[in-house]
């Protein structure tokens, strides 16, 4: 009964991820041992890129207290 919740990307730092391309790779192939599956054959590549850009936009808000209160 373990419930894995996604991190708050406006607060938590992403480990070993520095670019949108890095995020895309994690979404595409998953993260071994973390419970995060890969979505390479599940959703279209353009949707993977859209998710990556969205996560990157949230990451850009890190440290912005007004964004966290919204």
C-alpha atoms as a PDB file:
ATOM      1  CA  UNK A   1       0.000   0.000   0.000  1.00  0.00           C
ATOM      2  CA  UNK A   2       2.817   2.379  -0.829  1.00  0.00           C
ATOM      3  CA  UNK A   3       1.647   5.573  -2.493  1.00  0.00           C
ATOM      4  CA  UNK A   4       4.290   7.353  -4.565  1.00  0.00           C
ATOM      5  CA  UNK A   5       3.569  11.033  -4.949  1.00  0.00           C
ATOM      6  CA  UNK A   6       5.245  13.240  -7.567  1.00  0.00           C
ATOM      7  CA  UNK A   7       7.636  15.857  -6.236  1.00  0.00           C
ATOM      8  CA  UNK A   8       6.781  19.542  -6.141  1.00  0.00           C
ATOM      9  CA  UNK A   9       9.113  20.725  -8.903  1.00  0.00           C
ATOM     10  CA  UNK A  10       8.809  24.334  -7.689  1.00  0.00           C
ATOM     11  CA  UNK A  11      10.382  23.205  -4.404  1.00  0.00           C
ATOM     12  CA  UNK A  12      12.359  19.976  -4.819  1.00  0.00           C
ATOM     13  CA  UNK A  13      15.584  19.946  -6.767  1.00  0.00           C
ATOM     14  CA  UNK A  14      15.893  17.444  -9.630  1.00  0.00           C
ATOM     15  CA  UNK A  15      18.935  15.240  -9.194  1.00  0.00           C
ATOM     16  CA  UNK A  16      21.335  14.986 -12.157  1.00  0.00           C
ATOM     17  CA  UNK A  17      18.929  16.835 -14.443  1.00  0.00           C
ATOM     18  CA  UNK A  18      20.146  20.071 -15.961  1.00  0.00           C
ATOM     19  CA  UNK A  19      18.354  20.410 -19.306  1.00  0.00           C
ATOM     20  CA  UNK A  20      15.023  19.751 -20.991  1.00  0.00           C
ATOM     21  CA  UNK A  21      16.784  16.937 -22.852  1.00  0.00           C
ATOM     22  CA  UNK A  22      17.675  15.312 -19.508  1.00  0.00           C
ATOM     23  CA  UNK A  23      14.030  15.500 -18.413  1.00  0.00           C
ATOM     24  CA  UNK A  24      12.934  14.042 -21.753  1.00  0.00           C
ATOM     25  CA  UNK A  25      15.267  11.066 -21.293  1.00  0.00           C
ATOM     26  CA  UNK A  26      13.863  10.381 -17.800  1.00  0.00           C
ATOM     27  CA  UNK A  27      10.278  10.528 -19.058  1.00  0.00           C
ATOM     28  CA  UNK A  28      11.077   8.423 -22.117  1.00  0.00           C
ATOM     29  CA  UNK A  29      13.012   5.644 -20.346  1.00  0.00           C
ATOM     30  CA  UNK A  30      11.970   5.961 -16.704  1.00  0.00           C
ATOM     31  CA  UNK A  31      14.189   5.744 -13.646  1.00  0.00           C
ATOM     32  CA  UNK A  32      15.284   2.254 -12.665  1.00  0.00           C
ATOM     33  CA  UNK A  33      14.494   1.328  -9.075  1.00  0.00           C
ATOM     34  CA  UNK A  34      12.326   4.377  -8.454  1.00  0.00           C
ATOM     35  CA  UNK A  35       8.934   3.120  -9.529  1.00  0.00           C
ATOM     36  CA  UNK A  36       8.869   5.616 -12.413  1.00  0.00           C
ATOM     37  CA  UNK A  37       8.191   3.744 -15.647  1.00  0.00           C
ATOM     38  CA  UNK A  38       9.281   4.878 -19.078  1.00  0.00           C
ATOM     39  CA  UNK A  39       6.695   6.202 -21.489  1.00  0.00           C
ATOM     40  CA  UNK A  40       8.591   5.688 -24.771  1.00  0.00           C
ATOM     41  CA  UNK A  41       6.058   3.308 -26.295  1.00  0.00           C
ATOM     42  CA  UNK A  42       3.054   4.653 -24.383  1.00  0.00           C
ATOM     43  CA  UNK A  43       2.697   8.285 -25.449  1.00  0.00           C
ATOM     44  CA  UNK A  44       3.871  10.094 -28.593  1.00  0.00           C
ATOM     45  CA  UNK A  45       7.330  11.677 -28.559  1.00  0.00           C
ATOM     46  CA  UNK A  46       5.892  15.198 -28.933  1.00  0.00           C
ATOM     47  CA  UNK A  47       3.894  14.631 -25.732  1.00  0.00           C
ATOM     48  CA  UNK A  48       7.052  13.513 -23.934  1.00  0.00           C
ATOM     49  CA  UNK A  49       8.704  16.770 -25.003  1.00  0.00           C
ATOM     50  CA  UNK A  50       5.645  18.731 -23.846  1.00  0.00           C
ATOM     51  CA  UNK A  51       5.844  17.092 -20.404  1.00  0.00           C
ATOM     52  CA  UNK A  52       9.577  17.847 -20.253  1.00  0.00           C
ATOM     53  CA  UNK A  53       9.042  21.516 -21.076  1.00  0.00           C
ATOM     54  CA  UNK A  54       6.245  21.712 -18.499  1.00  0.00           C
ATOM     55  CA  UNK A  55       8.440  20.198 -15.778  1.00  0.00           C
ATOM     56  CA  UNK A  56      11.230  22.590 -16.769  1.00  0.00           C
ATOM     57  CA  UNK A  57       8.825  25.543 -16.462  1.00  0.00           C
ATOM     58  CA  UNK A  58       7.926  24.401 -12.943  1.00  0.00           C
ATOM     59  CA  UNK A  59      11.602  23.964 -12.122  1.00  0.00           C
ATOM     60  CA  UNK A  60      12.200  27.570 -13.229  1.00  0.00           C
ATOM     61  CA  UNK A  61       9.778  28.682 -10.490  1.00  0.00           C
ATOM     62  CA  UNK A  62      11.926  27.106  -7.782  1.00  0.00           C
ATOM     63  CA  UNK A  63      12.454  29.607  -5.001  1.00  0.00           C
ATOM     64  CA  UNK A  64       9.566  31.844  -6.132  1.00  0.00           C
ATOM     65  CA  UNK A  65       7.349  31.949  -3.037  1.00  0.00           C
ATOM     66  CA  UNK A  66       4.481  33.592  -4.942  1.00  0.00           C
ATOM     67  CA  UNK A  67       4.381  30.621  -7.357  1.00  0.00           C
ATOM     68  CA  UNK A  68       4.201  28.137  -4.478  1.00  0.00           C
ATOM     69  CA  UNK A  69       1.212  29.917  -2.935  1.00  0.00           C
ATOM     70  CA  UNK A  70      -0.805  29.882  -6.160  1.00  0.00           C
END
